[in-house]
Amino acid sequence: MGETDDFEWDDDKDAANRAKHGLPFRFGEFVFDGRPRFEPPLLRQIAGEPRHVAIADVAGVLYCVSSSGGVAGGALSR
């Protein structure tokens, strides 16, 4: 299990995200570092858990973090 002071994630899902999107989950910290971000309300659920999405500009590029439950297991993409 990967983790920082504020986040934790599944290492296998992190590897899959790196392969699919070219980004490690750890990069998601930039989306939550205090910069303005958009968090639209979502009605969609995955396996009965609510889905959460946050979108922020990091160095001129929009990044989207999606997760379900308490662990970032969704995706991080640009």
Protein backbone atom coordinates (compact mmCIF):
# COMPACT_ATOMS: atom_id res chain seq x y z
CA MET A 1 0.00 0.00 0.00
CA GLY A 2 1.43 3.35 -1.04
CA GLU A 3 0.82 6.37 1.15
CA THR A 4 1.77 9.91 2.07
CA ASP A 5 0.75 11.91 5.14
CA ASP A 6 -2.67 12.62 3.60
CA PHE A 7 -3.32 9.88 1.03
CA GLU A 8 -3.11 6.12 0.62
CA TRP A 9 -3.56 3.89 -2.42
CA ASP A 10 -3.32 0.34 -3.67
CA ASP A 11 0.05 -0.30 -5.35
CA ASP A 12 -1.45 -2.54 -8.05
CA LYS A 13 -4.00 0.14 -8.97
CA ASP A 14 -1.22 2.74 -8.97
CA ALA A 15 0.77 0.58 -11.43
CA ALA A 16 -2.31 0.19 -13.64
CA ASN A 17 -2.91 3.96 -13.56
CA ARG A 18 0.72 4.61 -14.53
CA ALA A 19 0.37 2.21 -17.48
CA LYS A 20 -2.97 3.65 -18.63
CA HIS A 21 -2.55 7.38 -17.90
CA GLY A 22 1.20 7.81 -17.39
CA LEU A 23 0.73 9.27 -13.91
CA PRO A 24 1.37 7.91 -10.41
CA PHE A 25 -1.36 8.31 -7.79
CA ARG A 26 1.10 10.32 -5.70
CA PHE A 27 0.75 13.12 -8.30
CA GLY A 28 -2.86 13.50 -7.12
CA GLU A 29 -1.54 15.37 -4.09
CA PHE A 30 -1.05 18.42 -6.34
CA VAL A 31 -4.79 18.52 -7.02
CA PHE A 32 -5.42 18.77 -3.25
CA ASP A 33 -2.57 21.10 -2.24
CA GLY A 34 -4.81 24.12 -1.68
CA ARG A 35 -5.12 25.33 -5.26
CA PRO A 36 -8.64 25.99 -6.61
CA ARG A 37 -10.34 22.80 -7.78
CA PHE A 38 -13.71 21.77 -9.13
CA GLU A 39 -15.51 18.89 -7.41
CA PRO A 40 -18.78 18.24 -9.23
CA PRO A 41 -21.45 16.25 -7.43
CA LEU A 42 -21.82 12.80 -9.00
CA LEU A 43 -24.79 10.49 -8.83
CA ARG A 44 -22.87 7.48 -10.16
CA GLN A 45 -21.80 4.77 -7.74
CA ILE A 46 -19.26 1.98 -8.21
CA ALA A 47 -19.90 -1.26 -6.30
CA GLY A 48 -22.38 0.62 -4.10
CA GLU A 49 -19.85 3.31 -3.10
CA PRO A 50 -20.14 6.95 -4.15
CA ARG A 51 -17.67 8.14 -6.75
CA HIS A 52 -15.69 11.35 -6.10
CA VAL A 53 -14.02 13.53 -8.74
CA ALA A 54 -11.76 16.57 -8.38
CA ILE A 55 -10.36 18.60 -11.28
CA ALA A 56 -7.57 21.18 -10.98
CA ASP A 57 -5.06 23.07 -13.08
CA VAL A 58 -1.49 21.98 -12.32
CA ALA A 59 1.11 23.98 -14.28
CA GLY A 60 -1.35 24.80 -17.07
CA VAL A 61 -2.72 21.27 -17.48
CA LEU A 62 -6.09 20.09 -16.14
CA TYR A 63 -5.87 16.92 -14.07
CA CYS A 64 -8.79 14.81 -12.89
CA VAL A 65 -8.65 12.59 -9.80
CA SER A 66 -11.45 10.07 -9.35
CA SER A 67 -11.88 7.74 -6.42
CA SER A 68 -14.43 5.67 -4.58
CA GLY A 69 -14.51 4.85 -0.90
CA GLY A 70 -11.64 6.06 1.24
CA VAL A 71 -8.74 4.92 -0.95
CA ALA A 72 -7.82 6.53 -4.25
CA GLY A 73 -8.43 3.50 -6.41
CA GLY A 74 -10.02 5.13 -9.38
CA ALA A 75 -7.83 7.06 -11.76
CA LEU A 76 -5.63 10.08 -12.15
CA SER A 77 -5.61 11.47 -15.65
CA ARG A 78 -4.83 14.59 -17.60
